[in-house]
Amino acid sequence: MPKVTEKVSKAAYNALQNIVGPEWVTDDVAITESYVKGGEIHDCIYQRGQQPPGVVVMPKDTEEVQKIVKVCMRYHLPYTPIGAFWGVHCGGKVPFHVSIDLSRMRSLEWDEKHMVAIVGPGQIHSPLQAEAQERGMYTMTPGGGSQAAVIGNMLTCNYSPLNYRLGLATRRILGVEWVLPNGEVIRLGSLATSDDPYWGEGPGPDLRGLLRGYLGWWGKVGIITKMAIKMHPLFLPERMQPVERGMLSTLEFPDNRIKWYNFRMPSEEAMRKAMREISRCEIGAAVMRVPTIWRYRGKSHSREDFWSKWGPDEAKIRSSRATSSVCRVLLIGYTSEEQLQYEESVLMDIMNGLGAELGRTKQSDQSWIKNADSAGMWWPAGGYVSVEFVVETLEHSFARGKTLLKEKESKFTPPLVDEYGEEGWIQMTDMGHTSYFEFLIQWDPEHPLGKYESGEYKAWEHWVASQRTAIDHGQFTANIGSLSVMGLTGPAFGPNYGEIYDKVRQAVDPLDISNPPLDLHDRVIDEFAPKWKEDYNFQTWSELMHDGKEWWKVLTSRDIEWKDCLPEWYWDRDDKEIG
């Protein structure tokens, strides 16, 4: 018999076991501890505050998910849904929670006539993309990699250079099946009145905006058990074949229908004009300014290989950055070879007029259609976080990059990795109507420094400081959301949608058991920027969510007693009475 934990009662454990069967529920520490770290991100500040679950349960269908969340509600057990566990921040935040692992629910159905895929919450991008191409369709894989769960990723980020042509991912969500925290199932769009999920806007209710937002709710309002996604017609007569294996795996391009172009731009102004003009002419499948460190990472076969090139090349990189930067463009002949020829002609006219120099590039895809190289993100240093990731205008992207670089180089480098003047990743989105900007910082988590000098500590400092610079320079920041460091409020940042979120949360999850949040960010503000509350009308997450009452005290150290980390009502409960 499995050992029942002290905090998940035997009655609750037995109830879960009766739902899924004994082989699909466990409290074995060897297994529950594996749910602390995600599959891709390691040694990341997101990792702080993560807690192992008391129980892991694996439902096979929507009915079992309903029954599980009802048991959690009956016994007041916090739970966290897990899709593919791509990143460590997908894990639970409170001790002895129930991890609802959805990886058995990998359903993948097709409506080929309407070019729709219907996926379960355990399905990942890799088989979705492969099967789509066999049916003459394709979709976009996210920057996180093809191993990311489709539903989780459609609700959270799903950024890629292909957002330029295909638009932001959340717009491709159609019918949705949603299990609320109380176990009730609601169906959105056409699923509300039929079993056909082909349409998101109706004739049933369209509540998708509550789920996706800018970054989504990360499981805070229940579990999505089915989602229909609009696919795109494949631009080649047959699927592209992968060559090599593992992280070196890539799709070779037929050069008569799809091609990469790398241009060395003579100035930043030329870069801006090129990105705007390509968008204005409505050509291309992807347009971006590529960080130099990415190119080095892409050419490296290991971490050691990366550093053998990156360090010695400092002078060369700084020199080249002063005179040029690389604009990378993907052209696709969606309808014919003639389309590619036409778009290439327009592209070359634009670039020749701006004095750009065409360089060499490998004609294959390792990152955006197949995406096998995302694990290499951590090669340069080991520790990583994005201190900014925002969709705004192209001009804002360039300005925000300069602000963040100045802050990083003047105060935090070292121990953060010196990227020799890099101002971040910029890509055009929505055919140039918007621009995505991301600023990544990296550090070596194993470098022996004191607490206040360590890379992780400086990363937190830089994250907080980067948001202050947005306020000081009148720039927009992604960090106004429910999962941000800051949760900024005030007239300059628009409506306080944290309060709107909380009203919805209280309506569907009054016990606050669906993926309870982490108060780690609040502690960061207390430590790094205590005056912000009065200076910038800052409200912490716990204030927004709990009206100033700190219900959950999340551990950062395993040395603290568990009893100190849960609310009083948890210990005062009476399982017999509740049951």
Foldseek 3Di string as FASTA:
>chain_A
DADQDPQCDPVLQVQLCVLANPVFKHQPCVPQVVLLFADFADQEPLSFQAEGARMEGEHQALLSQLSNLQSCVLLVAFEAEDALRLGNNLGFRAYHHYYHYHLNQFDWDDDLVQQKIKGFRNHFQQVVQVVQQQSQWGDKAAQSFRSDGDVLCLQFFRDDLLLQPVNRSVVFWFKWWWQFSNSDIAIAAPVNPHVDRSGHVDPGHRPSCLARPPGGDSFQGGDIGMIMGHIGGHQDPHDFDWDDDFLVIWTFDDVLFKFKWKKWFQDVVLLVQLLQVLLVVVFFSGKKFDQPLVVLLVPAPALVRSVVPQVVCLVVVLVSVVGTTIIMTMGGNSHGSVSSVVSVVVSVVSCVVRVIDIDDDHRIDCGMRRPRNSSSPCSNASYKDWLFKDKAAPVLQQVLLVLLQVLCVVPPPPVKDDSNDDSFMWIARHSRPIIITIHMIHGHQPPDDDPCNGNNNSVLLSSVVSVVSCVVVVHDGPQCDLQHLWVFDDPSHPDSCLLVSQVSSCVRPVSSSGSRDHQVSVVSCVPNPVCCCVVGVTDGSCCSNPVPDDQAAGDSDPVDDSVVGHHPVSVVDDSVVSD
